[in-house]
């Protein structure tokens, strides 16, 4: 049966090579269906990756702060004091904004927050 349909389609082209309109419409329809399935899954990947990057960078900075505290007995006044001994550089935020670092006057307690700009 399929061979009969194929023969009928190709006999109409008078020996010319190429795709028929029906074949092109079927291919476009299949691509459209695939696109509607794939696009929603890919849409949120970038923002999720940025959040994960910021979380990893926050852990790296907190680890450096704890190492500084273990060696010096107090937390630094600013994150810049961690460079170059504890960090190569202060990691930038993937989602924009900056790190908000506050330290108490006795330098025994500090807080690192994500600050949106």
Protein backbone atom coordinates (compact mmCIF):
# COMPACT_ATOMS: atom_id res chain seq x y z
CA UNK A 1 0.00 0.00 0.00
CA UNK A 2 2.78 2.44 0.92
CA UNK A 3 4.59 1.54 -2.27
CA UNK A 4 1.42 2.39 -4.26
CA UNK A 5 1.14 5.81 -2.60
CA UNK A 6 4.83 6.46 -3.12
CA UNK A 7 4.56 5.49 -6.79
CA UNK A 8 1.52 7.76 -7.24
CA UNK A 9 3.28 10.73 -5.63
CA UNK A 10 6.44 10.31 -7.68
CA UNK A 11 4.59 9.66 -10.93
CA UNK A 12 3.03 13.12 -10.70
CA UNK A 13 6.42 14.81 -10.63
CA UNK A 14 7.20 13.63 -14.15
CA UNK A 15 10.62 12.34 -13.23
CA UNK A 16 11.73 15.53 -11.46
CA UNK A 17 13.54 15.08 -8.18
CA UNK A 18 12.48 16.97 -5.08
CA UNK A 19 9.99 16.98 -2.23
CA UNK A 20 6.26 17.25 -2.63
CA UNK A 21 4.23 19.85 -0.79
CA UNK A 22 2.69 17.20 1.45
CA UNK A 23 6.13 15.90 2.49
CA UNK A 24 7.25 19.42 3.36
CA UNK A 25 4.08 20.10 5.38
CA UNK A 26 4.55 16.87 7.35
CA UNK A 27 8.17 17.73 8.16
CA UNK A 28 7.23 21.26 9.27
CA UNK A 29 4.42 19.88 11.45
CA UNK A 30 6.75 17.39 13.13
CA UNK A 31 9.34 20.13 13.78
CA UNK A 32 6.63 22.34 15.24
CA UNK A 33 5.49 19.61 17.61
CA UNK A 34 9.06 18.96 18.73
CA UNK A 35 9.61 22.69 19.31
CA UNK A 36 6.53 22.97 21.53
CA UNK A 37 7.85 20.10 23.66
CA UNK A 38 11.46 21.29 23.97
CA UNK A 39 11.19 25.08 24.40
CA UNK A 40 9.35 25.10 27.78
CA UNK A 41 11.94 22.73 29.27
CA UNK A 42 14.87 24.90 28.18
CA UNK A 43 13.36 28.26 29.15
CA UNK A 44 14.18 28.19 32.89
CA UNK A 45 17.62 26.62 32.71
CA UNK A 46 19.61 29.89 32.59
CA UNK A 47 18.01 31.43 35.69
CA UNK A 48 18.43 28.17 37.61
CA UNK A 49 22.11 28.05 36.63
CA UNK A 50 22.58 31.67 37.78
CA UNK A 51 20.99 30.91 41.16
CA UNK A 52 23.21 27.84 41.59
CA UNK A 53 26.29 29.88 40.65
CA UNK A 54 25.46 32.55 43.22
CA UNK A 55 24.88 29.89 45.89
CA UNK A 56 28.24 28.25 45.11
CA UNK A 57 30.05 31.61 45.17
CA UNK A 58 28.43 32.47 48.50
CA UNK A 59 29.73 29.19 49.98
CA UNK A 60 33.22 29.93 48.64
CA UNK A 61 33.23 33.40 50.23
CA UNK A 62 31.91 32.06 53.55
CA UNK A 63 34.58 29.37 53.53
CA UNK A 64 37.27 32.02 52.98
CA UNK A 65 35.80 34.12 55.81
CA UNK A 66 35.96 31.14 58.18
CA UNK A 67 39.57 30.39 57.22
CA UNK A 68 40.46 34.08 57.80
CA UNK A 69 38.74 33.91 61.21
CA UNK A 70 40.56 30.68 62.12
CA UNK A 71 43.96 32.22 61.35
CA UNK A 72 43.40 35.76 62.68
CA UNK A 73 40.82 35.37 65.45
CA UNK A 74 38.53 37.98 63.91
CA UNK A 75 36.61 38.57 60.70
CA UNK A 76 37.91 41.09 58.13
CA UNK A 77 36.38 44.56 57.81
CA UNK A 78 35.79 44.09 54.08
CA UNK A 79 35.74 41.23 51.61
CA UNK A 80 38.70 42.77 49.78
CA UNK A 81 40.98 41.72 52.67
CA UNK A 82 40.43 38.10 51.59
CA UNK A 83 42.30 38.76 48.32
CA UNK A 84 44.91 37.33 47.47
CA UNK A 85 45.55 35.07 50.49
CA UNK A 86 42.12 33.41 50.72
CA UNK A 87 40.49 34.21 47.36
CA UNK A 88 41.96 34.95 43.93
CA UNK A 89 39.26 37.60 43.48
CA UNK A 90 35.83 38.41 44.87
CA UNK A 91 33.34 36.42 42.75
CA UNK A 92 30.81 38.55 40.91
CA UNK A 93 27.12 37.77 41.09
CA UNK A 94 25.68 35.93 38.10
CA UNK A 95 22.26 37.54 38.57
CA UNK A 96 23.59 41.07 38.94
CA UNK A 97 23.91 43.07 42.11
CA UNK A 98 26.66 42.71 44.68
CA UNK A 99 27.56 41.05 47.95
CA UNK A 100 26.49 42.90 51.11
CA UNK A 101 29.03 42.14 53.83
CA UNK A 102 28.57 43.55 57.32
CA UNK A 103 30.69 42.87 60.36
CA UNK A 104 30.02 43.75 64.01
CA UNK A 105 32.29 46.24 65.78
CA UNK A 106 34.06 43.51 67.78
CA UNK A 107 34.62 41.54 64.52
CA UNK A 108 33.31 38.37 66.14
CA UNK A 109 30.19 38.11 64.01
CA UNK A 110 29.67 38.88 60.35
CA UNK A 111 26.93 38.46 57.81
CA UNK A 112 27.09 37.96 54.04
CA UNK A 113 23.97 38.67 51.99
CA UNK A 114 23.07 38.87 48.35
CA UNK A 115 22.19 42.46 47.47
CA UNK A 116 20.16 43.24 44.35
CA UNK A 117 20.85 46.42 42.47
